[in-house]
Each structure stands twice: as structure tokens, then as C-alpha cells.
PDB file of all heavy atoms in Angstrom:
ATOM      1  N   CYS A   1    -137.036  12.574 -58.738  1.00  0.00           N
ATOM      2  CA  CYS A   1    -136.777  13.210 -59.989  1.00  0.00           C
ATOM      3  C   CYS A   1    -135.309  13.515 -60.213  1.00  0.00           C
ATOM      4  O   CYS A   1    -134.676  13.954 -59.225  1.00  0.00           O
ATOM      5  CB  CYS A   1    -137.570  14.430 -60.119  1.00  0.00           C
ATOM      6  SG  CYS A   1    -137.375  15.355 -61.709  1.00  0.00           S
ATOM      7  N   VAL A   2    -134.866  13.330 -61.428  1.00  0.00           N
ATOM      8  CA  VAL A   2    -133.383  13.564 -61.641  1.00  0.00           C
ATOM      9  C   VAL A   2    -133.117  14.952 -61.442  1.00  0.00           C
ATOM     10  O   VAL A   2    -131.902  15.371 -61.096  1.00  0.00           O
ATOM     11  CB  VAL A   2    -133.082  13.152 -63.076  1.00  0.00           C
ATOM     12  CG1 VAL A   2    -133.710  13.939 -64.173  1.00  0.00           C
ATOM     13  CG2 VAL A   2    -131.519  12.998 -63.253  1.00  0.00           C
ATOM     14  N   LEU A   3    -134.092  15.927 -61.644  1.00  0.00           N
ATOM     15  CA  LEU A   3    -133.869  17.339 -61.401  1.00  0.00           C
ATOM     16  C   LEU A   3    -133.637  17.668 -59.882  1.00  0.00           C
ATOM     17  O   LEU A   3    -132.818  18.428 -59.538  1.00  0.00           O
ATOM     18  CB  LEU A   3    -135.002  18.142 -61.872  1.00  0.00           C
ATOM     19  CG  LEU A   3    -135.169  18.104 -63.416  1.00  0.00           C
ATOM     20  CD1 LEU A   3    -136.370  18.958 -63.833  1.00  0.00           C
ATOM     21  CD2 LEU A   3    -133.967  18.512 -64.169  1.00  0.00           C
ATOM     22  N   ASN A   4    -134.377  16.885 -59.008  1.00  0.00           N
ATOM     23  CA  ASN A   4    -134.055  17.064 -57.604  1.00  0.00           C
ATOM     24  C   ASN A   4    -132.564  16.579 -57.332  1.00  0.00           C
ATOM     25  O   ASN A   4    -131.907  17.180 -56.503  1.00  0.00           O
ATOM     26  CB  ASN A   4    -135.020  16.270 -56.797  1.00  0.00           C
ATOM     27  CG  ASN A   4    -136.378  16.833 -56.816  1.00  0.00           C
ATOM     28  OD1 ASN A   4    -136.567  18.027 -56.960  1.00  0.00           O
ATOM     29  ND2 ASN A   4    -137.477  16.034 -56.583  1.00  0.00           N
ATOM     30  N   TYR A   5    -132.187  15.497 -58.005  1.00  0.00           N
ATOM     31  CA  TYR A   5    -130.854  14.964 -57.869  1.00  0.00           C
ATOM     32  C   TYR A   5    -129.813  16.092 -58.199  1.00  0.00           C
ATOM     33  O   TYR A   5    -128.837  16.289 -57.558  1.00  0.00           O
ATOM     34  CB  TYR A   5    -130.705  13.776 -58.755  1.00  0.00           C
ATOM     35  CG  TYR A   5    -129.364  13.054 -58.705  1.00  0.00           C
ATOM     36  CD1 TYR A   5    -129.141  12.128 -57.679  1.00  0.00           C
ATOM     37  CD2 TYR A   5    -128.516  13.178 -59.674  1.00  0.00           C
ATOM     38  CE1 TYR A   5    -127.859  11.447 -57.641  1.00  0.00           C
ATOM     39  CE2 TYR A   5    -127.284  12.486 -59.705  1.00  0.00           C
ATOM     40  CZ  TYR A   5    -126.957  11.640 -58.643  1.00  0.00           C
ATOM     41  OH  TYR A   5    -125.767  10.956 -58.592  1.00  0.00           O
ATOM     42  N   LEU A   6    -130.080  16.717 -59.427  1.00  0.00           N
ATOM     43  CA  LEU A   6    -129.147  17.651 -59.928  1.00  0.00           C
ATOM     44  C   LEU A   6    -129.109  19.014 -59.146  1.00  0.00           C
ATOM     45  O   LEU A   6    -128.169  19.523 -58.660  1.00  0.00           O
ATOM     46  CB  LEU A   6    -129.382  17.968 -61.350  1.00  0.00           C
ATOM     47  CG  LEU A   6    -129.187  16.844 -62.340  1.00  0.00           C
ATOM     48  CD1 LEU A   6    -129.654  17.204 -63.806  1.00  0.00           C
ATOM     49  CD2 LEU A   6    -127.740  16.448 -62.396  1.00  0.00           C
ATOM     50  N   TYR A   7    -130.357  19.521 -58.851  1.00  0.00           N
ATOM     51  CA  TYR A   7    -130.455  20.841 -58.285  1.00  0.00           C
ATOM     52  C   TYR A   7    -130.043  20.794 -56.740  1.00  0.00           C
ATOM     53  O   TYR A   7    -129.683  21.812 -56.193  1.00  0.00           O
ATOM     54  CB  TYR A   7    -131.859  21.378 -58.437  1.00  0.00           C
ATOM     55  CG  TYR A   7    -132.239  21.619 -59.862  1.00  0.00           C
ATOM     56  CD1 TYR A   7    -133.699  21.601 -60.268  1.00  0.00           C
ATOM     57  CD2 TYR A   7    -131.332  21.799 -60.867  1.00  0.00           C
ATOM     58  CE1 TYR A   7    -134.014  21.831 -61.585  1.00  0.00           C
ATOM     59  CE2 TYR A   7    -131.737  22.005 -62.216  1.00  0.00           C
ATOM     60  CZ  TYR A   7    -133.075  22.042 -62.505  1.00  0.00           C
ATOM     61  OH  TYR A   7    -133.379  22.235 -63.867  1.00  0.00           O
ATOM     62  N   CYS A   8    -130.291  19.699 -56.113  1.00  0.00           N
ATOM     63  CA  CYS A   8    -129.875  19.483 -54.746  1.00  0.00           C
ATOM     64  C   CYS A   8    -128.443  19.069 -54.578  1.00  0.00           C
ATOM     65  O   CYS A   8    -127.925  18.780 -53.513  1.00  0.00           O
ATOM     66  CB  CYS A   8    -130.743  18.609 -53.988  1.00  0.00           C
ATOM     67  SG  CYS A   8    -132.476  19.143 -53.705  1.00  0.00           S
ATOM     68  N   GLU A   9    -127.762  18.766 -55.729  1.00  0.00           N
ATOM     69  CA  GLU A   9    -126.413  18.309 -55.775  1.00  0.00           C
ATOM     70  C   GLU A   9    -126.314  17.012 -54.866  1.00  0.00           C
ATOM     71  O   GLU A   9    -125.468  16.989 -53.904  1.00  0.00           O
ATOM     72  CB  GLU A   9    -125.396  19.334 -55.333  1.00  0.00           C
ATOM     73  CG  GLU A   9    -125.455  20.556 -56.321  1.00  0.00           C
ATOM     74  CD  GLU A   9    -124.475  21.745 -55.911  1.00  0.00           C
ATOM     75  OE1 GLU A   9    -124.064  21.697 -54.805  1.00  0.00           O
ATOM     76  OE2 GLU A   9    -124.150  22.525 -56.817  1.00  0.00           O
ATOM     77  N   LEU A  10    -127.091  16.108 -55.205  1.00  0.00           N
ATOM     78  CA  LEU A  10    -127.205  14.898 -54.307  1.00  0.00           C
ATOM     79  C   LEU A  10    -126.203  13.795 -54.566  1.00  0.00           C
ATOM     80  O   LEU A  10    -126.275  12.740 -53.824  1.00  0.00           O
ATOM     81  CB  LEU A  10    -128.660  14.276 -54.452  1.00  0.00           C
ATOM     82  CG  LEU A  10    -129.759  15.119 -53.919  1.00  0.00           C
ATOM     83  CD1 LEU A  10    -131.097  14.475 -54.233  1.00  0.00           C
ATOM     84  CD2 LEU A  10    -129.644  15.441 -52.502  1.00  0.00           C
ATOM     85  N   GLU A  11    -125.241  13.959 -55.509  1.00  0.00           N
ATOM     86  CA  GLU A  11    -124.200  12.991 -55.684  1.00  0.00           C
ATOM     87  C   GLU A  11    -123.448  12.820 -54.383  1.00  0.00           C
ATOM     88  O   GLU A  11    -122.930  13.753 -53.841  1.00  0.00           O
ATOM     89  CB  GLU A  11    -123.230  13.448 -56.797  1.00  0.00           C
ATOM     90  CG  GLU A  11    -122.179  12.457 -57.118  1.00  0.00           C
ATOM     91  CD  GLU A  11    -122.621  11.404 -58.149  1.00  0.00           C
ATOM     92  OE1 GLU A  11    -123.723  11.697 -58.792  1.00  0.00           O
ATOM     93  OE2 GLU A  11    -121.943  10.356 -58.252  1.00  0.00           O
ATOM     94  N   GLY A  12    -123.530  11.522 -53.887  1.00  0.00           N
ATOM     95  CA  GLY A  12    -122.711  11.315 -52.619  1.00  0.00           C
ATOM     96  C   GLY A  12    -123.476  11.740 -51.325  1.00  0.00           C
ATOM     97  O   GLY A  12    -122.956  11.506 -50.248  1.00  0.00           O
ATOM     98  N   LYS A  13    -124.673  12.354 -51.510  1.00  0.00           N
ATOM     99  CA  LYS A  13    -125.483  12.713 -50.321  1.00  0.00           C
ATOM    100  C   LYS A  13    -126.796  11.860 -50.245  1.00  0.00           C
ATOM    101  O   LYS A  13    -127.250  11.249 -51.141  1.00  0.00           O
ATOM    102  CB  LYS A  13    -125.912  14.175 -50.468  1.00  0.00           C
ATOM    103  CG  LYS A  13    -124.823  15.160 -50.651  1.00  0.00           C
ATOM    104  CD  LYS A  13    -125.463  16.569 -50.750  1.00  0.00           C
ATOM    105  CE  LYS A  13    -124.350  17.583 -50.958  1.00  0.00           C
ATOM    106  NZ  LYS A  13    -124.904  18.935 -51.237  1.00  0.00           N
ATOM    107  N   ARG A  14    -127.375  11.800 -48.969  1.00  0.00           N
ATOM    108  CA  ARG A  14    -128.515  11.107 -48.704  1.00  0.00           C
ATOM    109  C   ARG A  14    -129.697  12.043 -48.802  1.00  0.00           C
ATOM    110  O   ARG A  14    -129.609  13.173 -48.662  1.00  0.00           O
ATOM    111  CB  ARG A  14    -128.421  10.461 -47.285  1.00  0.00           C
ATOM    112  CG  ARG A  14    -127.633   9.296 -47.137  1.00  0.00           C
ATOM    113  CD  ARG A  14    -128.245   8.139 -47.973  1.00  0.00           C
ATOM    114  NE  ARG A  14    -129.552   7.832 -47.740  1.00  0.00           N
ATOM    115  CZ  ARG A  14    -129.955   7.069 -46.636  1.00  0.00           C
ATOM    116  NH1 ARG A  14    -129.179   6.454 -45.887  1.00  0.00           N
ATOM    117  NH2 ARG A  14    -131.343   6.825 -46.496  1.00  0.00           N
ATOM    118  N   THR A  15    -130.903  11.483 -49.083  1.00  0.00           N
ATOM    119  CA  THR A  15    -132.143  12.185 -49.038  1.00  0.00           C
ATOM    120  C   THR A  15    -133.079  11.634 -48.050  1.00  0.00           C
ATOM    121  O   THR A  15    -134.103  11.029 -48.438  1.00  0.00           O
ATOM    122  CB  THR A  15    -132.756  12.271 -50.403  1.00  0.00           C
ATOM    123  OG1 THR A  15    -132.850  10.931 -51.004  1.00  0.00           O
ATOM    124  CG2 THR A  15    -132.024  13.075 -51.417  1.00  0.00           C
ATOM    125  N   GLY A  16    -132.756  11.649 -46.813  1.00  0.00           N
ATOM    126  CA  GLY A  16    -133.651  11.042 -45.795  1.00  0.00           C
ATOM    127  C   GLY A  16    -133.773   9.622 -46.158  1.00  0.00           C
ATOM    128  O   GLY A  16    -132.802   8.831 -46.297  1.00  0.00           O
ATOM    129  N   ARG A  17    -135.065   9.129 -46.141  1.00  0.00           N
ATOM    130  CA  ARG A  17    -135.418   7.727 -46.407  1.00  0.00           C
ATOM    131  C   ARG A  17    -135.726   7.504 -47.853  1.00  0.00           C
ATOM    132  O   ARG A  17    -136.216   6.366 -48.197  1.00  0.00           O
ATOM    133  CB  ARG A  17    -136.455   7.256 -45.482  1.00  0.00           C
ATOM    134  CG  ARG A  17    -136.119   7.320 -44.020  1.00  0.00           C
ATOM    135  CD  ARG A  17    -137.224   6.791 -43.207  1.00  0.00           C
ATOM    136  NE  ARG A  17    -136.934   7.019 -41.724  1.00  0.00           N
ATOM    137  CZ  ARG A  17    -136.331   6.112 -40.958  1.00  0.00           C
ATOM    138  NH1 ARG A  17    -135.864   4.960 -41.512  1.00  0.00           N
ATOM    139  NH2 ARG A  17    -136.083   6.294 -39.692  1.00  0.00           N
ATOM    140  N   VAL A  18    -135.674   8.507 -48.707  1.00  0.00           N
ATOM    141  CA  VAL A  18    -136.073   8.343 -50.105  1.00  0.00           C
ATOM    142  C   VAL A  18    -134.887   7.739 -50.925  1.00  0.00           C
ATOM    143  O   VAL A  18    -133.876   8.515 -51.110  1.00  0.00           O
ATOM    144  CB  VAL A  18    -136.483   9.701 -50.703  1.00  0.00           C
ATOM    145  CG1 VAL A  18    -136.852   9.506 -52.162  1.00  0.00           C
ATOM    146  CG2 VAL A  18    -137.747  10.252 -49.921  1.00  0.00           C
ATOM    147  N   ILE A  19    -135.072   6.629 -51.255  1.00  0.00           N
ATOM    148  CA  ILE A  19    -134.080   5.906 -52.110  1.00  0.00           C
ATOM    149  C   ILE A  19    -134.684   5.471 -53.426  1.00  0.00           C
ATOM    150  O   ILE A  19    -135.953   5.479 -53.474  1.00  0.00           O
ATOM    151  CB  ILE A  19    -133.303   4.702 -51.495  1.00  0.00           C
ATOM    152  CG1 ILE A  19    -134.237   3.616 -51.059  1.00  0.00           C
ATOM    153  CG2 ILE A  19    -132.541   5.252 -50.277  1.00  0.00           C
ATOM    154  CD1 ILE A  19    -133.597   2.381 -50.460  1.00  0.00           C
ATOM    155  N   GLY A  20    -133.917   4.983 -54.387  1.00  0.00           N
ATOM    156  CA  GLY A  20    -134.515   4.527 -55.623  1.00  0.00           C
ATOM    157  C   GLY A  20    -133.942   5.185 -56.904  1.00  0.00           C
ATOM    158  O   GLY A  20    -133.029   5.967 -56.775  1.00  0.00           O
ATOM    159  N   PRO A  21    -134.536   4.831 -58.023  1.00  0.00           N
ATOM    160  CA  PRO A  21    -133.979   5.519 -59.261  1.00  0.00           C
ATOM    161  C   PRO A  21    -134.370   6.996 -59.285  1.00  0.00           C
ATOM    162  O   PRO A  21    -135.411   7.420 -58.676  1.00  0.00           O
ATOM    163  CB  PRO A  21    -134.703   4.816 -60.291  1.00  0.00           C
ATOM    164  CG  PRO A  21    -136.021   4.160 -59.668  1.00  0.00           C
ATOM    165  CD  PRO A  21    -135.584   3.866 -58.275  1.00  0.00           C
ATOM    166  N   MET A  22    -133.522   7.782 -59.859  1.00  0.00           N
ATOM    167  CA  MET A  22    -133.717   9.199 -60.148  1.00  0.00           C
ATOM    168  C   MET A  22    -134.159   9.322 -61.534  1.00  0.00           C
ATOM    169  O   MET A  22    -133.447   9.111 -62.500  1.00  0.00           O
ATOM    170  CB  MET A  22    -132.384   9.991 -59.747  1.00  0.00           C
ATOM    171  CG  MET A  22    -131.800   9.653 -58.482  1.00  0.00           C
ATOM    172  SD  MET A  22    -132.786  10.058 -57.024  1.00  0.00           S
ATOM    173  CE  MET A  22    -132.746  11.864 -57.081  1.00  0.00           C
ATOM    174  N   THR A  23    -135.386   9.737 -61.754  1.00  0.00           N
ATOM    175  CA  THR A  23    -136.001   9.504 -63.058  1.00  0.00           C
ATOM    176  C   THR A  23    -136.393  10.718 -63.810  1.00  0.00           C
ATOM    177  O   THR A  23    -136.310  11.865 -63.384  1.00  0.00           O
ATOM    178  CB  THR A  23    -137.418   8.727 -62.621  1.00  0.00           C
ATOM    179  OG1 THR A  23    -138.303   9.563 -61.991  1.00  0.00           O
ATOM    180  CG2 THR A  23    -137.088   7.506 -61.775  1.00  0.00           C
ATOM    181  N   PHE A  24    -136.834  10.497 -65.055  1.00  0.00           N
ATOM    182  CA  PHE A  24    -137.341  11.572 -65.936  1.00  0.00           C
ATOM    183  C   PHE A  24    -138.848  11.903 -65.720  1.00  0.00           C
ATOM    184  O   PHE A  24    -139.411  12.672 -66.483  1.00  0.00           O
ATOM    185  CB  PHE A  24    -137.102  11.234 -67.396  1.00  0.00           C
ATOM    186  CG  PHE A  24    -135.655  11.485 -67.835  1.00  0.00           C
ATOM    187  CD1 PHE A  24    -134.538  11.358 -66.982  1.00  0.00           C
ATOM    188  CD2 PHE A  24    -135.391  11.984 -69.098  1.00  0.00           C
ATOM    189  CE1 PHE A  24    -133.315  11.656 -67.346  1.00  0.00           C
ATOM    190  CE2 PHE A  24    -134.128  12.237 -69.570  1.00  0.00           C
ATOM    191  CZ  PHE A  24    -133.037  12.066 -68.659  1.00  0.00           C
ATOM    192  N   GLY A  25    -139.426  11.317 -64.707  1.00  0.00           N
ATOM    193  CA  GLY A  25    -140.839  11.499 -64.377  1.00  0.00           C
ATOM    194  C   GLY A  25    -141.241  10.499 -63.407  1.00  0.00           C
ATOM    195  O   GLY A  25    -140.720   9.351 -63.274  1.00  0.00           O
ATOM    196  N   GLU A  26    -142.193  10.805 -62.498  1.00  0.00           N
ATOM    197  CA  GLU A  26    -142.610  10.019 -61.417  1.00  0.00           C
ATOM    198  C   GLU A  26    -144.147   9.743 -61.703  1.00  0.00           C
ATOM    199  O   GLU A  26    -144.821  10.601 -62.247  1.00  0.00           O
ATOM    200  CB  GLU A  26    -142.395  10.634 -60.035  1.00  0.00           C
ATOM    201  CG  GLU A  26    -140.971  11.027 -59.803  1.00  0.00           C
ATOM    202  CD  GLU A  26    -140.576  12.309 -60.546  1.00  0.00           C
ATOM    203  OE1 GLU A  26    -141.222  13.387 -60.338  1.00  0.00           O
ATOM    204  OE2 GLU A  26    -139.629  12.222 -61.390  1.00  0.00           O
ATOM    205  N   ILE A  27    -144.572   8.605 -61.328  1.00  0.00           N
ATOM    206  CA  ILE A  27    -145.948   8.276 -61.449  1.00  0.00           C
ATOM    207  C   ILE A  27    -146.590   7.869 -60.148  1.00  0.00           C
ATOM    208  O   ILE A  27    -146.076   6.941 -59.412  1.00  0.00           O
ATOM    209  CB  ILE A  27    -146.086   7.097 -62.509  1.00  0.00           C
ATOM    210  CG1 ILE A  27    -145.612   7.570 -63.851  1.00  0.00           C
ATOM    211  CG2 ILE A  27    -147.557   6.661 -62.523  1.00  0.00           C
ATOM    212  CD1 ILE A  27    -145.517   6.497 -64.879  1.00  0.00           C
ATOM    213  N   ALA A  28    -147.573   8.567 -59.722  1.00  0.00           N
ATOM    214  CA  ALA A  28    -148.451   8.204 -58.606  1.00  0.00           C
ATOM    215  C   ALA A  28    -149.881   8.493 -59.051  1.00  0.00           C
ATOM    216  O   ALA A  28    -150.387   9.526 -59.038  1.00  0.00           O
ATOM    217  CB  ALA A  28    -148.118   9.069 -57.447  1.00  0.00           C
ATOM    218  N   TYR A  29    -150.421   7.421 -59.671  1.00  0.00           N
ATOM    219  CA  TYR A  29    -151.648   7.565 -60.417  1.00  0.00           C
ATOM    220  C   TYR A  29    -151.543   8.239 -61.685  1.00  0.00           C
ATOM    221  O   TYR A  29    -151.898   7.737 -62.812  1.00  0.00           O
ATOM    222  CB  TYR A  29    -152.782   8.144 -59.520  1.00  0.00           C
ATOM    223  CG  TYR A  29    -153.050   7.388 -58.316  1.00  0.00           C
ATOM    224  CD1 TYR A  29    -152.601   7.784 -57.123  1.00  0.00           C
ATOM    225  CD2 TYR A  29    -153.853   6.216 -58.327  1.00  0.00           C
ATOM    226  CE1 TYR A  29    -152.774   7.085 -55.947  1.00  0.00           C
ATOM    227  CE2 TYR A  29    -154.116   5.471 -57.216  1.00  0.00           C
ATOM    228  CZ  TYR A  29    -153.597   5.916 -56.019  1.00  0.00           C
ATOM    229  OH  TYR A  29    -153.844   5.177 -54.820  1.00  0.00           O
ATOM    230  N   GLN A  30    -150.941   9.504 -61.724  1.00  0.00           N
ATOM    231  CA  GLN A  30    -150.790  10.158 -63.042  1.00  0.00           C
ATOM    232  C   GLN A  30    -149.274  10.638 -62.997  1.00  0.00           C
ATOM    233  O   GLN A  30    -148.586  10.456 -62.135  1.00  0.00           O
ATOM    234  CB  GLN A  30    -151.782  11.449 -63.068  1.00  0.00           C
ATOM    235  CG  GLN A  30    -151.575  12.443 -61.916  1.00  0.00           C
ATOM    236  CD  GLN A  30    -152.749  13.432 -61.881  1.00  0.00           C
ATOM    237  OE1 GLN A  30    -153.750  13.162 -61.331  1.00  0.00           O
ATOM    238  NE2 GLN A  30    -152.488  14.635 -62.615  1.00  0.00           N
ATOM    239  N   LEU A  31    -148.989  11.235 -64.203  1.00  0.00           N
ATOM    240  CA  LEU A  31    -147.628  11.680 -64.409  1.00  0.00           C
ATOM    241  C   LEU A  31    -147.229  12.874 -63.607  1.00  0.00           C
ATOM    242  O   LEU A  31    -147.958  13.835 -63.545  1.00  0.00           O
ATOM    243  CB  LEU A  31    -147.440  11.932 -65.925  1.00  0.00           C
ATOM    244  CG  LEU A  31    -145.949  12.454 -66.258  1.00  0.00           C
ATOM    245  CD1 LEU A  31    -145.012  11.266 -66.069  1.00  0.00           C
ATOM    246  CD2 LEU A  31    -145.850  13.045 -67.654  1.00  0.00           C
ATOM    247  N   LEU A  32    -146.054  12.796 -62.940  1.00  0.00           N
ATOM    248  CA  LEU A  32    -145.568  13.959 -62.119  1.00  0.00           C
ATOM    249  C   LEU A  32    -144.144  14.270 -62.590  1.00  0.00           C
ATOM    250  O   LEU A  32    -143.469  13.471 -63.255  1.00  0.00           O
ATOM    251  CB  LEU A  32    -145.529  13.567 -60.629  1.00  0.00           C
ATOM    252  CG  LEU A  32    -146.751  12.998 -60.098  1.00  0.00           C
ATOM    253  CD1 LEU A  32    -146.500  12.330 -58.730  1.00  0.00           C
ATOM    254  CD2 LEU A  32    -147.870  14.059 -59.968  1.00  0.00           C
ATOM    255  N   ASN A  33    -143.715  15.526 -62.308  1.00  0.00           N
ATOM    256  CA  ASN A  33    -142.354  15.976 -62.617  1.00  0.00           C
ATOM    257  C   ASN A  33    -141.769  16.682 -61.349  1.00  0.00           C
ATOM    258  O   ASN A  33    -142.581  17.326 -60.643  1.00  0.00           O
ATOM    259  CB  ASN A  33    -142.378  17.017 -63.719  1.00  0.00           C
ATOM    260  CG  ASN A  33    -142.199  16.406 -65.098  1.00  0.00           C
ATOM    261  OD1 ASN A  33    -142.449  16.987 -66.091  1.00  0.00           O
ATOM    262  ND2 ASN A  33    -141.762  15.111 -65.209  1.00  0.00           N
ATOM    263  N   GLN A  34    -140.624  16.568 -61.147  1.00  0.00           N
ATOM    264  CA  GLN A  34    -139.850  17.235 -60.070  1.00  0.00           C
ATOM    265  C   GLN A  34    -140.535  16.896 -58.765  1.00  0.00           C
ATOM    266  O   GLN A  34    -140.656  17.823 -57.856  1.00  0.00           O
ATOM    267  CB  GLN A  34    -139.824  18.696 -60.325  1.00  0.00           C
ATOM    268  CG  GLN A  34    -138.411  19.350 -60.178  1.00  0.00           C
ATOM    269  CD  GLN A  34    -138.294  20.669 -60.825  1.00  0.00           C
ATOM    270  OE1 GLN A  34    -138.818  20.924 -61.940  1.00  0.00           O
ATOM    271  NE2 GLN A  34    -137.529  21.576 -60.233  1.00  0.00           N
ATOM    272  N   THR A  35    -140.759  15.723 -58.528  1.00  0.00           N
ATOM    273  CA  THR A  35    -141.385  15.243 -57.253  1.00  0.00           C
ATOM    274  C   THR A  35    -140.629  14.020 -56.792  1.00  0.00           C
ATOM    275  O   THR A  35    -139.719  13.450 -57.490  1.00  0.00           O
ATOM    276  CB  THR A  35    -142.926  14.863 -57.400  1.00  0.00           C
ATOM    277  OG1 THR A  35    -142.928  13.716 -58.332  1.00  0.00           O
ATOM    278  CG2 THR A  35    -143.672  15.948 -57.942  1.00  0.00           C
ATOM    279  N   ALA A  36    -140.988  13.512 -55.574  1.00  0.00           N
ATOM    280  CA  ALA A  36    -140.551  12.165 -55.123  1.00  0.00           C
ATOM    281  C   ALA A  36    -141.856  11.454 -54.900  1.00  0.00           C
ATOM    282  O   ALA A  36    -142.857  11.971 -54.409  1.00  0.00           O
ATOM    283  CB  ALA A  36    -139.686  12.245 -53.928  1.00  0.00           C
TER     284      ALA A  36
END
């Protein structure tokens, strides 16, 4: 989630093995917010 990106101040930082687009919503069967 883009909010995790902002609130964790992830610009220039790694998040373990989680890579990919930082989004306005995540989908794992149903709509999610503020998740990976």
C-alpha cells in the first residue's frame, strides 16, 4: 500500500522481500487497504 510507503518513509529503504508497485489498494480475493 502507498500508505505503508509514506508512513514508513520507505523512499530509498527496503521492505524485506516485499517488492512491487505501491498501490491505492491491494487485492487478495477481495479489496484490501493498508496491507501488503
